[in-house]
Structure formats: structure tokens, C-alpha cells
Amino acid sequence: MSPEQLIGYVGICKAISMGAEYYQIDADRCTECIGHYDRPTCQQVCPIDHTIIADPQRVESHDALWEKFVLLHHADRL
């Protein structure tokens, strides 16, 4: 993925934002790309290997991630 594509992805993903020095992922907004892609895209587009690691203290089921996606992106239609 080119730097332009990476910037474009980060621009549309509302769960990723620039922190003081690094990009940060807001777990309350992250759906692991369920509803958009087949797998978490941040892991594919990050230019540094092994930097995006799942938090073992915050494991969410596919159904919970899907519900979060619906609430975040389609709450106005519920």
C-alpha cells in the first residue's frame, strides 16, 4: 500500500487518530473492520510489522463487533 493509500485509510477510519507521537486506535470505535473488510485492515496497511497487537484484556466476539459497527455507522436508521 502506498503512503497515499495509508493516509486515505486512516482518514476514513474513525477509530484511528494521531496521538502525540504515534497513531492510536480507539478500542471503543474499533470494529476490527467488520462491516467493511474481511480482516483488520490496520494490520495490513501499517508500514511497521508487528506493531498492532490485539489487547488480550479486550477480546470482543464477532457479534459484539458487528453490533458496535451497526451502532456507530447506522444508529440513525435504527
N, C-alpha and C. Protein backbone atom coordinates (compact mmCIF):
# COMPACT_ATOMS: atom_id res chain seq x y z
N MET A 1 0.85 -1.18 0.00
CA MET A 1 0.00 0.00 0.00
C MET A 1 0.89 1.23 0.00
N SER A 2 0.54 2.18 -0.82
CA SER A 2 1.33 3.41 -0.93
C SER A 2 1.06 4.32 0.27
N PRO A 3 1.96 5.27 0.53
CA PRO A 3 1.72 6.23 1.62
C PRO A 3 0.40 6.98 1.45
N GLU A 4 0.03 7.28 0.21
CA GLU A 4 -1.22 8.00 -0.05
C GLU A 4 -2.42 7.14 0.33
N GLN A 5 -2.35 5.84 0.02
CA GLN A 5 -3.44 4.93 0.38
C GLN A 5 -3.54 4.79 1.90
N LEU A 6 -2.38 4.72 2.57
CA LEU A 6 -2.37 4.62 4.03
C LEU A 6 -3.02 5.85 4.64
N ILE A 7 -2.65 7.01 4.18
CA ILE A 7 -3.24 8.25 4.69
C ILE A 7 -4.73 8.27 4.41
N GLY A 8 -5.15 7.81 3.24
CA GLY A 8 -6.56 7.74 2.91
C GLY A 8 -7.31 6.81 3.83
N TYR A 9 -6.72 5.64 4.14
CA TYR A 9 -7.37 4.69 5.04
C TYR A 9 -7.52 5.30 6.42
N VAL A 10 -6.45 5.88 6.96
CA VAL A 10 -6.51 6.47 8.29
C VAL A 10 -7.53 7.61 8.30
N GLY A 11 -7.66 8.32 7.21
CA GLY A 11 -8.63 9.41 7.13
C GLY A 11 -10.07 8.95 7.21
N ILE A 12 -10.38 7.73 6.73
CA ILE A 12 -11.76 7.26 6.78
C ILE A 12 -12.05 6.40 7.99
N CYS A 13 -11.02 5.85 8.62
CA CYS A 13 -11.22 5.01 9.80
C CYS A 13 -11.35 5.91 11.02
N LYS A 14 -12.52 5.97 11.59
CA LYS A 14 -12.76 6.86 12.73
C LYS A 14 -12.15 6.34 14.03
N ALA A 15 -11.65 5.10 14.03
CA ALA A 15 -11.06 4.53 15.24
C ALA A 15 -9.58 4.87 15.36
N ILE A 16 -8.96 5.34 14.28
CA ILE A 16 -7.53 5.65 14.29
C ILE A 16 -7.33 7.15 14.24
N SER A 17 -6.48 7.64 15.15
CA SER A 17 -6.17 9.07 15.15
C SER A 17 -4.70 9.26 15.52
N MET A 18 -4.18 10.42 15.22
CA MET A 18 -2.79 10.71 15.53
C MET A 18 -2.69 11.14 16.98
N GLY A 19 -1.84 10.45 17.73
CA GLY A 19 -1.58 10.82 19.11
C GLY A 19 -0.45 11.82 19.16
N ALA A 20 0.18 11.97 20.32
CA ALA A 20 1.29 12.91 20.47
C ALA A 20 2.46 12.55 19.55
N GLU A 21 2.76 11.25 19.46
CA GLU A 21 3.87 10.81 18.61
C GLU A 21 3.49 9.70 17.65
N TYR A 22 2.45 8.95 17.98
CA TYR A 22 2.09 7.77 17.21
C TYR A 22 0.59 7.76 16.92
N TYR A 23 0.21 6.99 15.93
CA TYR A 23 -1.21 6.77 15.70
C TYR A 23 -1.76 5.91 16.83
N GLN A 24 -3.00 6.18 17.20
CA GLN A 24 -3.65 5.44 18.28
C GLN A 24 -4.95 4.85 17.77
N ILE A 25 -5.33 3.71 18.33
CA ILE A 25 -6.58 3.06 17.98
C ILE A 25 -7.52 3.16 19.17
N ASP A 26 -8.68 3.74 18.95
CA ASP A 26 -9.71 3.87 19.99
C ASP A 26 -10.52 2.57 20.00
N ALA A 27 -10.33 1.76 21.02
CA ALA A 27 -10.99 0.46 21.10
C ALA A 27 -12.52 0.59 21.15
N ASP A 28 -13.02 1.73 21.64
CA ASP A 28 -14.47 1.93 21.69
C ASP A 28 -15.07 2.15 20.30
N ARG A 29 -14.25 2.54 19.35
CA ARG A 29 -14.73 2.78 17.99
C ARG A 29 -14.24 1.72 17.00
N CYS A 30 -13.28 0.89 17.41
CA CYS A 30 -12.73 -0.12 16.51
C CYS A 30 -13.66 -1.33 16.42
N THR A 31 -13.98 -1.70 15.18
CA THR A 31 -14.80 -2.90 14.94
C THR A 31 -13.98 -3.99 14.27
N GLU A 32 -12.65 -3.83 14.29
CA GLU A 32 -11.74 -4.74 13.60
C GLU A 32 -12.15 -4.88 12.14
N CYS A 33 -12.68 -3.81 11.60
CA CYS A 33 -13.10 -3.67 10.19
C CYS A 33 -14.31 -4.52 9.81
N ILE A 34 -14.95 -5.15 10.79
CA ILE A 34 -16.19 -5.88 10.49
C ILE A 34 -17.19 -4.89 9.94
N GLY A 35 -17.82 -5.25 8.85
CA GLY A 35 -18.74 -4.36 8.16
C GLY A 35 -18.09 -3.64 7.00
N HIS A 36 -16.75 -3.68 6.95
CA HIS A 36 -16.02 -3.02 5.86
C HIS A 36 -15.11 -3.98 5.10
N TYR A 37 -14.31 -4.76 5.84
CA TYR A 37 -13.30 -5.63 5.23
C TYR A 37 -13.35 -7.01 5.87
N ASP A 38 -12.65 -7.97 5.28
CA ASP A 38 -12.63 -9.34 5.78
C ASP A 38 -11.76 -9.52 7.02
N ARG A 39 -10.79 -8.65 7.20
CA ARG A 39 -9.91 -8.72 8.37
C ARG A 39 -9.46 -7.32 8.74
N PRO A 40 -8.92 -7.13 9.95
CA PRO A 40 -8.49 -5.79 10.35
C PRO A 40 -7.50 -5.19 9.35
N THR A 41 -7.89 -4.12 8.73
CA THR A 41 -7.08 -3.51 7.68
C THR A 41 -5.90 -2.75 8.24
N CYS A 42 -5.98 -2.25 9.45
CA CYS A 42 -4.86 -1.50 10.02
C CYS A 42 -3.60 -2.36 10.04
N GLN A 43 -3.76 -3.66 10.30
CA GLN A 43 -2.61 -4.56 10.30
C GLN A 43 -2.01 -4.69 8.91
N GLN A 44 -2.83 -4.61 7.88
CA GLN A 44 -2.34 -4.73 6.51
C GLN A 44 -1.66 -3.45 6.04
N VAL A 45 -2.14 -2.29 6.45
CA VAL A 45 -1.62 -1.04 5.92
C VAL A 45 -0.51 -0.43 6.75
N CYS A 46 -0.33 -0.89 7.98
CA CYS A 46 0.72 -0.32 8.82
C CYS A 46 2.08 -0.64 8.23
N PRO A 47 2.92 0.36 8.04
CA PRO A 47 4.22 0.12 7.41
C PRO A 47 5.23 -0.57 8.34
N ILE A 48 4.90 -0.71 9.61
CA ILE A 48 5.81 -1.35 10.56
C ILE A 48 5.18 -2.66 11.02
N ASP A 49 5.87 -3.76 10.80
CA ASP A 49 5.36 -5.09 11.16
C ASP A 49 5.24 -5.26 12.67
N HIS A 50 4.23 -6.01 13.08
CA HIS A 50 4.02 -6.44 14.47
C HIS A 50 3.86 -5.28 15.45
N THR A 51 3.26 -4.20 15.03
CA THR A 51 3.03 -3.08 15.95
C THR A 51 1.57 -3.00 16.39
N ILE A 52 0.68 -3.60 15.64
CA ILE A 52 -0.74 -3.58 16.01
C ILE A 52 -1.08 -4.97 16.54
N ILE A 53 -1.19 -5.03 17.85
CA ILE A 53 -1.38 -6.30 18.54
C ILE A 53 -2.71 -6.24 19.29
N ALA A 54 -3.48 -7.31 19.19
CA ALA A 54 -4.77 -7.36 19.89
C ALA A 54 -4.54 -7.31 21.40
N ASP A 55 -5.42 -6.61 22.09
CA ASP A 55 -5.36 -6.49 23.54
C ASP A 55 -6.05 -7.71 24.16
N PRO A 56 -5.31 -8.58 24.83
CA PRO A 56 -5.93 -9.79 25.40
C PRO A 56 -6.95 -9.48 26.50
N GLN A 57 -6.91 -8.27 27.03
CA GLN A 57 -7.88 -7.86 28.05
C GLN A 57 -9.18 -7.35 27.44
N ARG A 58 -9.18 -7.20 26.13
CA ARG A 58 -10.36 -6.64 25.47
C ARG A 58 -10.69 -7.46 24.21
N VAL A 59 -11.12 -8.68 24.42
CA VAL A 59 -11.48 -9.55 23.31
C VAL A 59 -12.98 -9.43 23.09
N GLU A 60 -13.38 -9.14 21.85
CA GLU A 60 -14.79 -8.99 21.51
C GLU A 60 -15.19 -10.03 20.48
N SER A 61 -16.36 -10.59 20.65
CA SER A 61 -16.85 -11.59 19.70
C SER A 61 -17.22 -10.92 18.37
N HIS A 62 -17.35 -11.72 17.34
CA HIS A 62 -17.77 -11.22 16.04
C HIS A 62 -19.13 -10.51 16.17
N ASP A 63 -20.04 -11.11 16.92
CA ASP A 63 -21.37 -10.50 17.10
C ASP A 63 -21.28 -9.15 17.81
N ALA A 64 -20.42 -9.05 18.82
CA ALA A 64 -20.27 -7.78 19.55
C ALA A 64 -19.66 -6.71 18.64
N LEU A 65 -18.68 -7.11 17.82
CA LEU A 65 -18.08 -6.16 16.88
C LEU A 65 -19.09 -5.72 15.82
N TRP A 66 -19.91 -6.64 15.35
CA TRP A 66 -20.94 -6.31 14.37
C TRP A 66 -21.94 -5.34 14.97
N GLU A 67 -22.36 -5.58 16.20
CA GLU A 67 -23.30 -4.67 16.87
C GLU A 67 -22.70 -3.28 17.02
N LYS A 68 -21.42 -3.22 17.39
CA LYS A 68 -20.74 -1.93 17.51
C LYS A 68 -20.71 -1.22 16.16
N PHE A 69 -20.41 -1.96 15.08
CA PHE A 69 -20.41 -1.38 13.74
C PHE A 69 -21.77 -0.77 13.41
N VAL A 70 -22.83 -1.53 13.65
CA VAL A 70 -24.18 -1.04 13.35
C VAL A 70 -24.49 0.21 14.16
N LEU A 71 -24.18 0.21 15.44
CA LEU A 71 -24.46 1.38 16.27
C LEU A 71 -23.64 2.60 15.86
N LEU A 72 -22.39 2.38 15.49
CA LEU A 72 -21.53 3.50 15.10
C LEU A 72 -21.88 4.08 13.73
N HIS A 73 -22.28 3.22 12.80
CA HIS A 73 -22.45 3.65 11.43
C HIS A 73 -23.88 3.73 10.94
N HIS A 74 -24.81 3.14 11.68
CA HIS A 74 -26.19 3.12 11.22
C HIS A 74 -27.22 3.42 12.32
N ALA A 75 -26.77 4.03 13.41
CA ALA A 75 -27.66 4.31 14.54
C ALA A 75 -28.83 5.21 14.13
N ASP A 76 -28.61 6.07 13.13
CA ASP A 76 -29.66 6.98 12.69
C ASP A 76 -30.79 6.24 11.99
N ARG A 77 -30.55 4.99 11.59
CA ARG A 77 -31.58 4.22 10.88
C ARG A 77 -32.28 3.19 11.78
N LEU A 78 -31.86 3.11 13.04
CA LEU A 78 -32.46 2.12 13.94
C LEU A 78 -33.76 2.63 14.53
